[in-house]
């Protein structure tokens, strides 16, 4: 009785059909970071992914839909696991805070996805819809997660009482700066003699923040 052919024996066109959405998302991410949202054309994304423009529109009706897919694939999808990690974190709140900031850098900031923050900031006024989407998918869940960490510290009397709605921005600000720096001046910083070590920067920021957050003896 003949057996079915292994997946690797399928024609290239058949095998690639299932991977096209991922290829399009990757191509779009690269082009958005390289050129910005406004300057990126749908046909360029299709060409970079090696498919026709018609194929692109089979998966993503508009460039805005493609941008949303990029954000969801590269950032939004990380929040469920981050929330689970924080719920089960056994260490101190200081260790949790350091882990959260370091993890964000390792999984988002230092990757190509870190450039999305710069894109949104620079083009938010002209494209308020993508800014609102980024707020919903990234900023809101991110700040809620950080507020939970701060509240945990307050509840355990590791951190002093403070305005959590404002305090959360002291955690977000250095991370935004680091992503903006990496995707702007960081590209030419070595030639200018301005070299920043992201790991050391984050460690220093955590130390400075904790000295302000901790309950004084």
N, C-alpha and C. Protein backbone atom coordinates (compact mmCIF):
# COMPACT_ATOMS: atom_id res chain seq x y z
N UNK A 1 0.86 -1.21 0.00
CA UNK A 1 0.00 0.00 0.00
C UNK A 1 0.88 1.24 0.00
N UNK A 2 0.74 2.14 -0.95
CA UNK A 2 1.64 3.30 -1.02
C UNK A 2 1.45 4.22 0.16
N UNK A 3 2.53 4.78 0.61
CA UNK A 3 2.49 5.74 1.72
C UNK A 3 2.45 7.14 1.18
N UNK A 4 1.93 8.07 1.98
CA UNK A 4 1.86 9.47 1.54
C UNK A 4 3.24 10.06 1.47
N UNK A 5 3.45 11.00 0.57
CA UNK A 5 4.76 11.62 0.39
C UNK A 5 5.08 12.48 1.58
N UNK A 6 6.34 12.52 2.02
CA UNK A 6 6.72 13.39 3.14
C UNK A 6 6.53 14.85 2.78
N UNK A 7 6.37 15.67 3.80
CA UNK A 7 6.10 17.09 3.58
C UNK A 7 7.19 17.75 2.76
N UNK A 8 8.45 17.33 2.93
CA UNK A 8 9.56 17.96 2.24
C UNK A 8 9.52 17.71 0.74
N UNK A 9 8.71 16.70 0.29
CA UNK A 9 8.65 16.41 -1.14
C UNK A 9 7.60 17.24 -1.86
N UNK A 10 6.82 18.03 -1.11
CA UNK A 10 5.80 18.86 -1.74
C UNK A 10 6.45 19.96 -2.57
N UNK A 11 5.80 20.40 -3.62
CA UNK A 11 6.34 21.50 -4.43
C UNK A 11 6.59 22.72 -3.57
N UNK A 12 7.60 23.50 -3.93
CA UNK A 12 7.96 24.68 -3.15
C UNK A 12 6.77 25.63 -3.00
N UNK A 13 5.98 25.81 -4.08
CA UNK A 13 4.85 26.74 -4.02
C UNK A 13 3.83 26.28 -2.97
N UNK A 14 3.59 24.98 -2.87
CA UNK A 14 2.65 24.45 -1.89
C UNK A 14 3.15 24.64 -0.48
N UNK A 15 4.45 24.37 -0.25
CA UNK A 15 5.01 24.50 1.08
C UNK A 15 5.02 25.94 1.54
N UNK A 16 5.31 26.88 0.64
CA UNK A 16 5.45 28.28 1.03
C UNK A 16 4.11 28.93 1.30
N UNK A 17 3.01 28.37 0.77
CA UNK A 17 1.72 29.01 0.95
C UNK A 17 1.39 29.21 2.41
N UNK A 18 1.73 28.21 3.25
CA UNK A 18 1.41 28.30 4.66
C UNK A 18 2.30 29.29 5.40
N UNK A 19 3.47 29.57 4.86
CA UNK A 19 4.40 30.45 5.55
C UNK A 19 4.32 31.88 5.07
N UNK A 20 3.52 32.15 4.06
CA UNK A 20 3.48 33.50 3.51
C UNK A 20 3.08 34.58 4.50
N UNK A 21 2.07 34.39 5.34
CA UNK A 21 1.75 35.46 6.31
C UNK A 21 2.94 35.84 7.17
N UNK A 22 3.68 34.84 7.63
CA UNK A 22 4.86 35.12 8.45
C UNK A 22 5.94 35.84 7.66
N UNK A 23 6.12 35.46 6.42
CA UNK A 23 7.11 36.12 5.57
C UNK A 23 6.71 37.57 5.31
N UNK A 24 5.44 37.81 5.11
CA UNK A 24 4.95 39.16 4.88
C UNK A 24 5.12 40.02 6.13
N UNK A 25 4.83 39.46 7.29
CA UNK A 25 4.99 40.20 8.54
C UNK A 25 6.46 40.55 8.77
N UNK A 26 7.35 39.61 8.51
CA UNK A 26 8.78 39.88 8.69
C UNK A 26 9.26 40.95 7.71
N UNK A 27 8.82 40.85 6.47
CA UNK A 27 9.21 41.85 5.47
C UNK A 27 8.68 43.22 5.85
N UNK A 28 7.44 43.27 6.33
CA UNK A 28 6.86 44.54 6.73
C UNK A 28 7.60 45.15 7.91
N UNK A 29 7.95 44.33 8.89
CA UNK A 29 8.71 44.82 10.04
C UNK A 29 10.01 45.46 9.58
N UNK A 30 10.74 44.77 8.74
CA UNK A 30 12.02 45.29 8.26
C UNK A 30 11.84 46.62 7.52
N UNK A 31 10.84 46.70 6.67
CA UNK A 31 10.63 47.92 5.89
C UNK A 31 10.10 49.06 6.75
N UNK A 32 9.20 48.75 7.68
CA UNK A 32 8.70 49.80 8.57
C UNK A 32 9.85 50.42 9.36
N UNK A 33 10.76 49.59 9.84
CA UNK A 33 11.89 50.10 10.62
C UNK A 33 12.86 50.87 9.73
N UNK A 34 13.08 50.38 8.53
CA UNK A 34 14.02 51.03 7.61
C UNK A 34 13.49 52.35 7.07
N UNK A 35 12.21 52.40 6.72
CA UNK A 35 11.67 53.54 5.98
C UNK A 35 10.59 54.32 6.71
N UNK A 36 9.99 53.73 7.74
CA UNK A 36 8.85 54.36 8.38
C UNK A 36 7.55 53.85 7.81
N UNK A 37 6.45 54.17 8.47
CA UNK A 37 5.14 53.68 8.03
C UNK A 37 4.69 54.36 6.75
N UNK A 38 4.77 55.68 6.69
CA UNK A 38 4.26 56.41 5.53
C UNK A 38 5.01 56.06 4.25
N UNK A 39 6.34 55.92 4.36
CA UNK A 39 7.16 55.70 3.17
C UNK A 39 7.14 54.26 2.68
N UNK A 40 6.68 53.34 3.49
CA UNK A 40 6.64 51.93 3.09
C UNK A 40 5.41 51.69 2.21
N UNK A 41 5.63 51.12 1.04
CA UNK A 41 4.54 50.81 0.12
C UNK A 41 4.20 49.32 0.19
N UNK A 42 2.94 49.03 -0.01
CA UNK A 42 2.49 47.64 0.06
C UNK A 42 3.22 46.76 -0.95
N UNK A 43 3.44 47.29 -2.16
CA UNK A 43 4.13 46.50 -3.17
C UNK A 43 5.57 46.19 -2.78
N UNK A 44 6.19 47.08 -1.99
CA UNK A 44 7.54 46.83 -1.52
C UNK A 44 7.57 45.67 -0.54
N UNK A 45 6.55 45.61 0.32
CA UNK A 45 6.45 44.51 1.27
C UNK A 45 6.29 43.19 0.52
N UNK A 46 5.42 43.18 -0.47
CA UNK A 46 5.20 41.97 -1.26
C UNK A 46 6.48 41.54 -1.96
N UNK A 47 7.17 42.51 -2.55
CA UNK A 47 8.41 42.20 -3.26
C UNK A 47 9.45 41.65 -2.30
N UNK A 48 9.59 42.26 -1.12
CA UNK A 48 10.57 41.81 -0.14
C UNK A 48 10.27 40.37 0.32
N UNK A 49 8.97 40.06 0.41
CA UNK A 49 8.56 38.72 0.85
C UNK A 49 8.57 37.70 -0.29
N UNK A 50 8.75 38.18 -1.51
CA UNK A 50 8.80 37.27 -2.64
C UNK A 50 7.45 36.80 -3.13
N UNK A 51 6.41 37.62 -2.94
CA UNK A 51 5.07 37.27 -3.42
C UNK A 51 4.50 38.45 -4.21
N UNK A 52 3.36 38.22 -4.83
CA UNK A 52 2.71 39.29 -5.58
C UNK A 52 1.95 40.21 -4.64
N UNK A 53 1.64 41.41 -5.13
CA UNK A 53 0.85 42.35 -4.33
C UNK A 53 -0.54 41.78 -4.07
N UNK A 54 -1.06 41.03 -5.04
CA UNK A 54 -2.37 40.41 -4.86
C UNK A 54 -2.35 39.40 -3.71
N UNK A 55 -1.25 38.67 -3.59
CA UNK A 55 -1.14 37.71 -2.50
C UNK A 55 -1.11 38.43 -1.16
N UNK A 56 -0.42 39.55 -1.10
CA UNK A 56 -0.38 40.35 0.14
C UNK A 56 -1.78 40.71 0.58
N UNK A 57 -2.61 41.17 -0.35
CA UNK A 57 -3.95 41.62 0.01
C UNK A 57 -4.90 40.46 0.32
N UNK A 58 -4.51 39.24 0.00
CA UNK A 58 -5.29 38.08 0.43
C UNK A 58 -5.23 37.93 1.95
N UNK A 59 -4.10 38.33 2.51
CA UNK A 59 -3.88 38.18 3.95
C UNK A 59 -4.13 39.47 4.73
N UNK A 60 -3.78 40.60 4.13
CA UNK A 60 -3.88 41.89 4.82
C UNK A 60 -4.53 42.90 3.87
N UNK A 61 -5.74 43.32 4.22
CA UNK A 61 -6.50 44.19 3.32
C UNK A 61 -5.87 45.56 3.16
N UNK A 62 -5.22 46.06 4.21
CA UNK A 62 -4.63 47.39 4.17
C UNK A 62 -3.24 47.37 4.80
N UNK A 63 -2.51 48.43 4.60
CA UNK A 63 -1.19 48.55 5.23
C UNK A 63 -1.33 48.67 6.74
N UNK A 64 -2.43 49.27 7.18
CA UNK A 64 -2.69 49.37 8.62
C UNK A 64 -2.89 47.99 9.24
N UNK A 65 -3.59 47.10 8.51
CA UNK A 65 -3.77 45.73 9.00
C UNK A 65 -2.42 45.02 9.10
N UNK A 66 -1.55 45.28 8.16
CA UNK A 66 -0.23 44.68 8.17
C UNK A 66 0.58 45.18 9.37
N UNK A 67 0.47 46.48 9.65
CA UNK A 67 1.16 47.04 10.81
C UNK A 67 0.65 46.40 12.10
N UNK A 68 -0.65 46.22 12.20
CA UNK A 68 -1.23 45.60 13.39
C UNK A 68 -0.71 44.18 13.57
N UNK A 69 -0.60 43.46 12.47
CA UNK A 69 -0.08 42.10 12.53
C UNK A 69 1.37 42.08 13.00
N UNK A 70 2.15 43.06 12.56
CA UNK A 70 3.55 43.17 12.98
C UNK A 70 3.64 43.38 14.49
N UNK A 71 2.82 44.29 15.01
CA UNK A 71 2.83 44.57 16.45
C UNK A 71 2.38 43.36 17.25
N UNK A 72 1.30 42.73 16.80
CA UNK A 72 0.79 41.57 17.53
C UNK A 72 1.78 40.41 17.53
N UNK A 73 2.40 40.18 16.40
CA UNK A 73 3.33 39.06 16.28
C UNK A 73 4.59 39.27 17.11
N UNK A 74 5.10 40.50 17.13
CA UNK A 74 6.40 40.76 17.73
C UNK A 74 6.37 41.29 19.16
N UNK A 75 5.24 41.86 19.58
CA UNK A 75 5.18 42.45 20.93
C UNK A 75 3.97 41.96 21.72
N UNK A 76 2.77 42.18 21.19
CA UNK A 76 1.56 41.84 21.94
C UNK A 76 1.53 40.39 22.38
N UNK A 77 2.05 39.51 21.54
CA UNK A 77 2.01 38.08 21.84
C UNK A 77 2.86 37.70 23.04
N UNK A 78 3.74 38.60 23.48
CA UNK A 78 4.62 38.31 24.61
C UNK A 78 3.95 38.53 25.96
N UNK A 79 2.91 39.33 26.00
CA UNK A 79 2.33 39.71 27.29
C UNK A 79 1.71 38.54 28.08
N UNK A 80 1.04 37.59 27.46
CA UNK A 80 0.54 36.47 28.25
C UNK A 80 1.62 35.74 29.04
N UNK A 81 2.74 35.46 28.38
CA UNK A 81 3.82 34.75 29.09
C UNK A 81 4.46 35.65 30.14
N UNK A 82 4.58 36.94 29.85
CA UNK A 82 5.13 37.86 30.85
C UNK A 82 4.25 37.91 32.09
N UNK A 83 2.95 37.98 31.89
CA UNK A 83 2.05 38.01 33.03
C UNK A 83 2.13 36.72 33.85
N UNK A 84 2.25 35.60 33.16
CA UNK A 84 2.38 34.32 33.87
C UNK A 84 3.69 34.29 34.67
N UNK A 85 4.76 34.78 34.08
CA UNK A 85 6.05 34.80 34.77
C UNK A 85 5.98 35.66 36.03
N UNK A 86 5.33 36.81 35.92
CA UNK A 86 5.25 37.70 37.07
C UNK A 86 4.34 37.13 38.17
N UNK A 87 3.31 36.42 37.76
CA UNK A 87 2.41 35.82 38.74
C UNK A 87 3.11 34.75 39.56
N UNK A 88 4.04 34.04 38.93
CA UNK A 88 4.72 32.94 39.61
C UNK A 88 6.11 33.32 40.11
N UNK A 89 6.50 34.58 39.97
CA UNK A 89 7.84 35.02 40.36
C UNK A 89 8.03 34.86 41.87
N UNK A 90 9.10 34.18 42.26
CA UNK A 90 9.31 33.86 43.67
C UNK A 90 10.26 34.82 44.38
N UNK A 91 10.96 35.64 43.64
CA UNK A 91 11.96 36.52 44.24
C UNK A 91 11.36 37.79 44.81
N UNK A 92 12.23 38.69 45.21
CA UNK A 92 11.80 39.96 45.77
C UNK A 92 11.21 40.85 44.67
N UNK A 93 10.53 41.90 45.09
CA UNK A 93 9.97 42.84 44.12
C UNK A 93 11.08 43.61 43.41
N UNK A 94 12.16 43.83 44.08
CA UNK A 94 13.32 44.48 43.44
C UNK A 94 13.86 43.61 42.33
N UNK A 95 13.98 42.31 42.59
CA UNK A 95 14.45 41.38 41.57
C UNK A 95 13.46 41.29 40.42
N UNK A 96 12.17 41.32 40.76
CA UNK A 96 11.13 41.25 39.73
C UNK A 96 11.19 42.47 38.81
N UNK A 97 11.40 43.63 39.39
CA UNK A 97 11.48 44.85 38.60
C UNK A 97 12.68 44.81 37.67
N UNK A 98 13.81 44.38 38.19
CA UNK A 98 15.02 44.27 37.37
C UNK A 98 14.81 43.26 36.25
N UNK A 99 14.16 42.16 36.56
CA UNK A 99 13.90 41.13 35.55
C UNK A 99 12.97 41.65 34.47
N UNK A 100 11.93 42.39 34.86
CA UNK A 100 10.96 42.90 33.89
C UNK A 100 11.63 43.84 32.89
N UNK A 101 12.47 44.73 33.38
CA UNK A 101 13.12 45.69 32.49
C UNK A 101 14.15 45.02 31.59
N UNK A 102 14.90 44.08 32.17
CA UNK A 102 15.89 43.36 31.37
C UNK A 102 15.22 42.49 30.33
N UNK A 103 14.12 41.83 30.72
CA UNK A 103 13.40 40.95 29.80
C UNK A 103 12.82 41.75 28.64
N UNK A 104 12.28 42.93 28.92
CA UNK A 104 11.74 43.77 27.85
C UNK A 104 12.84 44.11 26.85
N UNK A 105 14.00 44.45 27.33
CA UNK A 105 15.09 44.79 26.42
C UNK A 105 15.51 43.59 25.58
N UNK A 106 15.66 42.44 26.22
CA UNK A 106 16.13 41.25 25.52
C UNK A 106 15.13 40.75 24.49
N UNK A 107 13.83 40.83 24.79
CA UNK A 107 12.82 40.26 23.91
C UNK A 107 12.25 41.25 22.92
N UNK A 108 12.37 42.54 23.22
CA UNK A 108 11.81 43.56 22.31
C UNK A 108 12.84 44.63 21.97
N UNK A 109 13.34 45.32 22.99
CA UNK A 109 14.16 46.50 22.75
C UNK A 109 15.35 46.29 21.85
N UNK A 110 16.10 45.22 22.05
CA UNK A 110 17.30 45.01 21.26
C UNK A 110 17.02 44.32 19.92
N UNK A 111 15.78 43.92 19.70
CA UNK A 111 15.40 43.30 18.44
C UNK A 111 14.90 44.37 17.46
N UNK A 112 14.61 43.96 16.26
CA UNK A 112 14.08 44.89 15.27
C UNK A 112 12.76 45.50 15.73
N UNK A 113 12.00 44.73 16.52
CA UNK A 113 10.71 45.22 17.00
C UNK A 113 10.86 46.45 17.89
N UNK A 114 12.04 46.64 18.47
CA UNK A 114 12.27 47.82 19.29
C UNK A 114 12.15 49.11 18.49
N UNK A 115 12.33 49.03 17.20
CA UNK A 115 12.21 50.22 16.36
C UNK A 115 10.79 50.68 16.15
N UNK A 116 9.82 49.84 16.50
CA UNK A 116 8.42 50.23 16.33
C UNK A 116 8.07 51.42 17.20
N UNK A 117 8.68 51.50 18.39
CA UNK A 117 8.40 52.63 19.28
C UNK A 117 8.79 53.95 18.61
N UNK A 118 9.94 53.98 17.99
CA UNK A 118 10.39 55.18 17.29
C UNK A 118 9.44 55.52 16.14
N UNK A 119 9.02 54.50 15.40
CA UNK A 119 8.09 54.71 14.29
C UNK A 119 6.79 55.34 14.78
N UNK A 120 6.23 54.80 15.85
CA UNK A 120 4.95 55.30 16.35
C UNK A 120 5.09 56.73 16.87
N UNK A 121 6.15 57.00 17.61
CA UNK A 121 6.36 58.34 18.15
C UNK A 121 6.52 59.37 17.02
N UNK A 122 7.27 59.01 16.00
CA UNK A 122 7.55 59.96 14.93
C UNK A 122 6.36 60.17 13.99
N UNK A 123 5.46 59.17 13.88
CA UNK A 123 4.38 59.27 12.91
C UNK A 123 2.98 59.29 13.54
N UNK A 124 2.94 59.40 14.87
CA UNK A 124 1.64 59.36 15.56
C UNK A 124 0.71 60.48 15.13
N UNK A 125 1.24 61.67 14.92
CA UNK A 125 0.39 62.81 14.59
C UNK A 125 -0.28 62.64 13.23
N UNK A 126 0.45 62.05 12.29
CA UNK A 126 -0.10 61.84 10.95
C UNK A 126 -0.94 60.57 10.85
N UNK A 127 -0.69 59.62 11.74
CA UNK A 127 -1.42 58.36 11.71
C UNK A 127 -1.93 58.04 13.11
N UNK A 128 -2.92 58.78 13.59
CA UNK A 128 -3.42 58.58 14.95
C UNK A 128 -4.00 57.19 15.19
N UNK A 129 -4.49 56.55 14.14
CA UNK A 129 -5.07 55.22 14.31
C UNK A 129 -4.02 54.18 14.71
N UNK A 130 -2.84 54.25 14.10
CA UNK A 130 -1.81 53.28 14.46
C UNK A 130 -1.25 53.61 15.85
N UNK A 131 -1.25 54.88 16.21
CA UNK A 131 -0.81 55.27 17.55
C UNK A 131 -1.79 54.74 18.59
N UNK A 132 -3.08 54.84 18.30
CA UNK A 132 -4.10 54.34 19.22
C UNK A 132 -4.02 52.83 19.35
N UNK A 133 -3.74 52.16 18.24
CA UNK A 133 -3.58 50.70 18.28
C UNK A 133 -2.38 50.31 19.13
N UNK A 134 -1.27 51.00 18.96
CA UNK A 134 -0.06 50.72 19.74
C UNK A 134 -0.31 50.97 21.23
N UNK A 135 -1.07 52.01 21.51
CA UNK A 135 -1.45 52.30 22.89
C UNK A 135 -2.23 51.12 23.48
N UNK A 136 -3.18 50.62 22.72
CA UNK A 136 -4.04 49.54 23.18
C UNK A 136 -3.27 48.23 23.34
N UNK A 137 -2.42 47.92 22.37
CA UNK A 137 -1.77 46.61 22.33
C UNK A 137 -0.47 46.52 23.12
N UNK A 138 0.20 47.65 23.31
CA UNK A 138 1.53 47.61 23.92
C UNK A 138 1.61 48.47 25.18
N UNK A 139 1.28 49.75 25.06
CA UNK A 139 1.48 50.66 26.19
C UNK A 139 0.57 50.31 27.36
N UNK A 140 -0.72 50.12 27.09
CA UNK A 140 -1.66 49.83 28.17
C UNK A 140 -1.33 48.53 28.91
N UNK A 141 -1.17 47.39 28.21
CA UNK A 141 -0.82 46.17 28.95
C UNK A 141 0.56 46.25 29.60
N UNK A 142 1.47 46.99 28.99
CA UNK A 142 2.80 47.13 29.57
C UNK A 142 2.78 47.91 30.88
N UNK A 143 2.06 49.02 30.87
CA UNK A 143 1.98 49.83 32.09
C UNK A 143 1.20 49.11 33.19
N UNK A 144 0.18 48.35 32.82
CA UNK A 144 -0.58 47.58 33.81
C UNK A 144 0.31 46.54 34.48
N UNK A 145 1.15 45.90 33.68
CA UNK A 145 2.06 44.90 34.23
C UNK A 145 3.06 45.53 35.19
N UNK A 146 3.61 46.67 34.82
CA UNK A 146 4.57 47.35 35.68
C UNK A 146 3.91 47.88 36.95
N UNK A 147 2.68 48.34 36.83
CA UNK A 147 1.95 48.80 38.02
C UNK A 147 1.70 47.65 38.99
N UNK A 148 1.47 46.45 38.47
CA UNK A 148 1.29 45.29 39.33
C UNK A 148 2.57 45.00 40.12
N UNK A 149 3.71 45.17 39.45
CA UNK A 149 4.98 44.94 40.13
C UNK A 149 5.18 45.97 41.24
N UNK A 150 4.90 47.22 40.93
CA UNK A 150 5.02 48.28 41.94
C UNK A 150 4.05 48.04 43.10
N UNK A 151 2.81 47.67 42.77
CA UNK A 151 1.82 47.43 43.82
C UNK A 151 2.24 46.26 44.70
N UNK A 152 2.81 45.24 44.10
CA UNK A 152 3.32 44.09 44.86
C UNK A 152 4.37 44.55 45.86
N UNK A 153 5.25 45.46 45.40
CA UNK A 153 6.29 45.97 46.28
C UNK A 153 5.72 46.78 47.44
N UNK A 154 4.69 47.58 47.14
CA UNK A 154 4.05 48.38 48.19
C UNK A 154 3.34 47.46 49.19
N UNK A 155 2.60 46.48 48.66
CA UNK A 155 1.85 45.57 49.53
C UNK A 155 2.77 44.76 50.44
N UNK A 156 3.97 44.45 49.96
CA UNK A 156 4.91 43.66 50.76
C UNK A 156 5.85 44.55 51.59
N UNK A 157 5.58 45.85 51.54
CA UNK A 157 6.36 46.82 52.30
C UNK A 157 7.84 46.85 51.88
N UNK A 158 8.07 46.51 50.60
CA UNK A 158 9.41 46.66 50.03
C UNK A 158 9.56 48.05 49.41
N UNK A 159 8.46 48.54 48.83
CA UNK A 159 8.44 49.86 48.23
C UNK A 159 7.55 50.77 49.07
N UNK A 160 7.89 52.04 49.09
CA UNK A 160 7.09 53.00 49.83
C UNK A 160 5.82 53.33 49.06
N UNK A 161 4.83 53.89 49.75
CA UNK A 161 3.60 54.32 49.08
C UNK A 161 3.91 55.43 48.09
N UNK A 162 3.35 55.31 46.89
CA UNK A 162 3.58 56.33 45.86
C UNK A 162 2.44 56.30 44.87
N UNK A 163 2.39 57.34 44.05
CA UNK A 163 1.37 57.45 43.01
C UNK A 163 1.75 56.50 41.87
N UNK A 164 1.11 55.34 41.84
CA UNK A 164 1.49 54.34 40.85
C UNK A 164 1.24 54.79 39.42
N UNK A 165 0.18 55.58 39.20
CA UNK A 165 -0.12 56.05 37.85
C UNK A 165 1.01 56.89 37.28
N UNK A 166 1.70 57.62 38.13
CA UNK A 166 2.83 58.43 37.68
C UNK A 166 4.15 57.68 37.80
N UNK A 167 4.27 56.87 38.84
CA UNK A 167 5.53 56.15 39.07
C UNK A 167 5.87 55.20 37.94
N UNK A 168 4.84 54.65 37.29
CA UNK A 168 5.09 53.69 36.22
C UNK A 168 5.87 54.31 35.07
N UNK A 169 5.70 55.63 34.87
CA UNK A 169 6.41 56.29 33.79
C UNK A 169 7.91 56.40 34.07
N UNK A 170 8.29 56.35 35.35
CA UNK A 170 9.73 56.36 35.66
C UNK A 170 10.39 55.06 35.23
N UNK A 171 9.59 54.00 35.06
CA UNK A 171 10.11 52.73 34.57
C UNK A 171 10.08 52.68 33.04
N UNK A 172 9.04 53.26 32.47
CA UNK A 172 8.87 53.23 31.02
C UNK A 172 9.86 54.16 30.31
N UNK A 173 10.08 55.34 30.89
CA UNK A 173 10.89 56.36 30.22
C UNK A 173 12.29 55.89 29.82
N UNK A 174 13.07 55.27 30.72
CA UNK A 174 14.40 54.85 30.30
C UNK A 174 14.39 53.78 29.22
N UNK A 175 13.35 52.94 29.21
CA UNK A 175 13.27 51.91 28.18
C UNK A 175 12.95 52.52 26.81
N UNK A 176 12.06 53.52 26.81
CA UNK A 176 11.76 54.21 25.56
C UNK A 176 13.01 54.92 25.04
N UNK A 177 13.71 55.59 25.96
CA UNK A 177 14.94 56.28 25.56
C UNK A 177 15.92 55.30 24.93
N UNK A 178 16.08 54.14 25.53
CA UNK A 178 17.06 53.18 25.04
C UNK A 178 16.69 52.67 23.65
N UNK A 179 15.39 52.42 23.42
CA UNK A 179 14.96 51.97 22.09
C UNK A 179 15.11 53.08 21.05
N UNK A 180 14.80 54.33 21.44
CA UNK A 180 14.98 55.44 20.51
C UNK A 180 16.45 55.64 20.18
N UNK A 181 17.28 55.54 21.19
CA UNK A 181 18.72 55.71 20.97
C UNK A 181 19.25 54.64 20.03
N UNK A 182 18.87 53.38 20.27
CA UNK A 182 19.36 52.28 19.44
C UNK A 182 18.97 52.46 17.98
N UNK A 183 17.78 53.00 17.74
CA UNK A 183 17.29 53.12 16.37
C UNK A 183 17.50 54.51 15.77
N UNK A 184 18.37 55.31 16.39
CA UNK A 184 18.70 56.61 15.82
C UNK A 184 20.20 56.87 15.98
N UNK A 185 20.59 57.56 17.05
CA UNK A 185 21.99 57.87 17.27
C UNK A 185 22.85 56.64 17.51
N UNK A 186 22.24 55.59 18.03
CA UNK A 186 22.99 54.38 18.31
C UNK A 186 23.61 53.76 17.07
N UNK A 187 23.01 54.02 15.92
CA UNK A 187 23.53 53.46 14.68
C UNK A 187 24.87 54.06 14.29
N UNK A 188 25.15 55.29 14.77
CA UNK A 188 26.41 55.93 14.42
C UNK A 188 27.19 56.35 15.65
N UNK A 189 26.77 55.87 16.83
CA UNK A 189 27.39 56.32 18.08
C UNK A 189 28.85 55.92 18.18
N UNK A 190 29.21 54.74 17.68
CA UNK A 190 30.59 54.28 17.82
C UNK A 190 31.55 55.20 17.08
N UNK A 191 31.13 55.69 15.91
CA UNK A 191 32.01 56.58 15.15
C UNK A 191 32.11 57.95 15.81
N UNK A 192 31.09 58.30 16.60
CA UNK A 192 31.10 59.59 17.29
C UNK A 192 31.74 59.50 18.66
N UNK A 193 32.14 58.29 19.04
CA UNK A 193 32.77 58.12 20.34
C UNK A 193 31.79 58.02 21.49
N UNK A 194 30.49 57.94 21.19
CA UNK A 194 29.47 57.84 22.23
C UNK A 194 28.93 56.41 22.26
N UNK A 195 29.54 55.58 23.07
CA UNK A 195 29.17 54.17 23.13
C UNK A 195 28.38 53.91 24.41
N UNK A 196 27.20 53.33 24.28
CA UNK A 196 26.38 53.01 25.45
C UNK A 196 26.25 51.50 25.56
N UNK A 197 26.35 51.01 26.78
CA UNK A 197 26.15 49.60 27.04
C UNK A 197 24.74 49.41 27.60
N UNK A 198 23.82 48.84 26.80
CA UNK A 198 22.43 48.73 27.25
C UNK A 198 22.26 47.99 28.58
N UNK A 199 22.99 46.90 28.77
CA UNK A 199 22.86 46.13 30.00
C UNK A 199 23.28 46.96 31.21
N UNK A 200 24.38 47.69 31.08
CA UNK A 200 24.85 48.54 32.18
C UNK A 200 23.89 49.70 32.43
N UNK A 201 23.33 50.24 31.34
CA UNK A 201 22.37 51.34 31.46
C UNK A 201 21.14 50.89 32.25
N UNK A 202 20.61 49.72 31.89
CA UNK A 202 19.43 49.21 32.57
C UNK A 202 19.73 48.93 34.04
N UNK A 203 20.89 48.32 34.31
CA UNK A 203 21.27 48.02 35.69
C UNK A 203 21.36 49.30 36.51
N UNK A 204 21.92 50.34 35.94
CA UNK A 204 22.04 51.62 36.66
C UNK A 204 20.66 52.24 36.87
N UNK A 205 19.81 52.18 35.86
CA UNK A 205 18.46 52.72 36.00
C UNK A 205 17.68 52.00 37.10
N UNK A 206 17.81 50.68 37.14
CA UNK A 206 17.14 49.90 38.18
C UNK A 206 17.65 50.30 39.55
N UNK A 207 18.96 50.47 39.67
CA UNK A 207 19.55 50.86 40.96
C UNK A 207 19.04 52.24 41.40
N UNK A 208 19.01 53.18 40.48
CA UNK A 208 18.53 54.52 40.80
C UNK A 208 17.05 54.49 41.18
N UNK A 209 16.26 53.74 40.44
CA UNK A 209 14.83 53.65 40.72
C UNK A 209 14.57 52.98 42.07
N UNK A 210 15.27 51.91 42.35
CA UNK A 210 15.05 51.19 43.59
C UNK A 210 15.44 52.03 44.80
N UNK A 211 16.48 52.82 44.68
CA UNK A 211 16.88 53.66 45.80
C UNK A 211 15.81 54.71 46.11
N UNK A 212 15.00 55.02 45.09
CA UNK A 212 13.90 55.96 45.34
C UNK A 212 12.62 55.26 45.76
N UNK A 213 12.49 53.96 45.39
CA UNK A 213 11.27 53.22 45.68
C UNK A 213 11.27 52.54 47.03
N UNK A 214 12.42 52.08 47.45
CA UNK A 214 12.50 51.26 48.64
C UNK A 214 12.12 52.04 49.91
N UNK A 215 11.54 51.31 50.82
CA UNK A 215 11.23 51.87 52.13
C UNK A 215 12.53 52.15 52.86
N UNK A 216 12.67 53.36 53.37
CA UNK A 216 13.90 53.72 54.07
C UNK A 216 13.93 53.12 55.48
N UNK A 217 15.07 52.59 55.83
CA UNK A 217 15.20 51.97 57.15
C UNK A 217 15.17 53.02 58.24
